[in-house]
Structures are given as C-alpha cells and as structure tokens.
Amino acid sequence: MVYEFEDDRPRWEQVAEIMRARIADGTYPPGSRVPSVLQLQAEFGISTSTGQKVHRALRADGLIRTQSGMGSYVRRMDG
C-alpha cells in the first residue's frame, strides 16, 4: 500500500495519526508490540528520523512505552 501524504503537514504527524487510529480501533491492542522505526520506514516510506518522531509523539501521548532492546508496546490503560 502506498500512502498519499498531505503536502501541508509534516509526515511524522500524519503517520502518528494513523498509528493513533490503529491503537484506538484495536489493530494494536493494549500490550501488543507496535511497529519499530525500521518497520515504519518500510511501510510508509519515511526516514529514520521521521519514524523516531512518530514513536516520540506516541510516547508523549502516553499511548506506547518503549523497553530498551525489546521494542515498543501499547500501554495498558488503567481504569
């Protein structure tokens, strides 16, 4: 699948929006692993730094947690 990115918004914001929607709709349920930066690069055709910004944004939103050397996972929401 080839993504058509909007020209007037940064790509990292657009990919983060897609990932937020996937987390919300259960594509990536709580506790599941989300795509790595390299996997995001392959799927969306983005750079490493763009993929890193996506992960940073999702962590800042409290949606994912990253374990060094293990990957990033959807956070379990309490209560």
Protein backbone atom coordinates (compact mmCIF):
# COMPACT_ATOMS: atom_id res chain seq x y z
CA MET A 1 0.00 0.00 0.00
CA VAL A 2 1.33 3.42 -0.95
CA TYR A 3 0.38 6.31 1.29
CA GLU A 4 -0.52 9.67 -0.17
CA PHE A 5 0.79 12.25 2.27
CA GLU A 6 -0.64 15.75 2.55
CA ASP A 7 1.92 18.36 1.49
CA ASP A 8 0.94 20.91 4.13
CA ARG A 9 1.56 18.72 7.21
CA PRO A 10 4.72 17.00 8.43
CA ARG A 11 4.80 13.31 7.57
CA TRP A 12 5.54 12.30 11.16
CA GLU A 13 2.25 13.91 12.25
CA GLN A 14 0.34 12.04 9.56
CA VAL A 15 1.92 8.68 10.41
CA ALA A 16 1.38 9.29 14.14
CA GLU A 17 -2.29 10.00 13.38
CA ILE A 18 -2.57 6.67 11.52
CA MET A 19 -0.90 4.84 14.41
CA ARG A 20 -3.20 6.53 16.96
CA ALA A 21 -6.20 5.37 14.91
CA ARG A 22 -4.83 1.82 14.78
CA ILE A 23 -4.38 1.79 18.55
CA ALA A 24 -7.88 3.21 19.07
CA ASP A 25 -9.55 0.70 16.73
CA GLY A 26 -7.77 -2.29 18.29
CA THR A 27 -5.43 -3.08 15.41
CA TYR A 28 -2.75 -2.78 18.10
CA PRO A 29 -4.47 -3.79 21.36
CA PRO A 30 -3.05 -3.00 24.82
CA GLY A 31 0.14 -4.93 25.47
CA SER A 32 0.82 -5.59 21.79
CA ARG A 33 4.01 -4.57 20.06
CA VAL A 34 3.84 -1.65 17.64
CA PRO A 35 5.98 -1.44 14.51
CA SER A 36 9.60 -0.50 15.06
CA VAL A 37 11.11 2.59 13.46
CA LEU A 38 12.52 0.35 10.70
CA GLN A 39 9.10 -1.22 10.12
CA LEU A 40 7.50 2.23 9.93
CA GLN A 41 10.16 3.21 7.36
CA ALA A 42 9.31 0.19 5.23
CA GLU A 43 5.54 0.59 5.47
CA PHE A 44 5.28 4.34 5.00
CA GLY A 45 8.44 5.15 3.03
CA ILE A 46 9.68 7.58 5.69
CA SER A 47 13.14 8.33 7.06
CA THR A 48 14.60 7.05 10.32
CA SER A 49 14.27 10.46 11.97
CA THR A 50 10.62 10.67 10.91
CA GLY A 51 9.93 7.23 12.40
CA GLN A 52 11.65 8.28 15.62
CA LYS A 53 9.42 11.37 15.79
CA VAL A 54 6.35 9.13 15.42
CA HIS A 55 7.47 7.00 18.37
CA ARG A 56 8.29 10.10 20.45
CA ALA A 57 4.84 11.55 19.76
CA LEU A 58 3.07 8.30 20.73
CA ARG A 59 5.13 8.08 23.93
CA ALA A 60 4.34 11.73 24.74
CA ASP A 61 0.64 10.95 24.27
CA GLY A 62 1.00 8.08 26.75
CA LEU A 63 -0.06 5.53 24.14
CA ILE A 64 3.10 3.45 23.97
CA ARG A 65 6.01 2.50 26.19
CA THR A 66 9.43 1.51 24.95
CA GLN A 67 11.65 -1.13 26.57
CA SER A 68 15.28 -0.76 25.61
CA GLY A 69 16.28 -3.64 23.37
CA MET A 70 12.76 -5.12 23.43
CA GLY A 71 10.60 -2.78 21.37
CA SER A 72 7.61 -0.53 21.85
CA TYR A 73 4.25 -1.69 23.15
CA VAL A 74 0.76 -0.24 23.50
CA ARG A 75 0.24 0.85 27.10
CA ARG A 76 -2.49 -0.75 29.12
CA MET A 77 -4.91 1.91 30.28
CA ASP A 78 -5.91 1.54 33.93
CA GLY A 79 -9.50 2.16 34.97
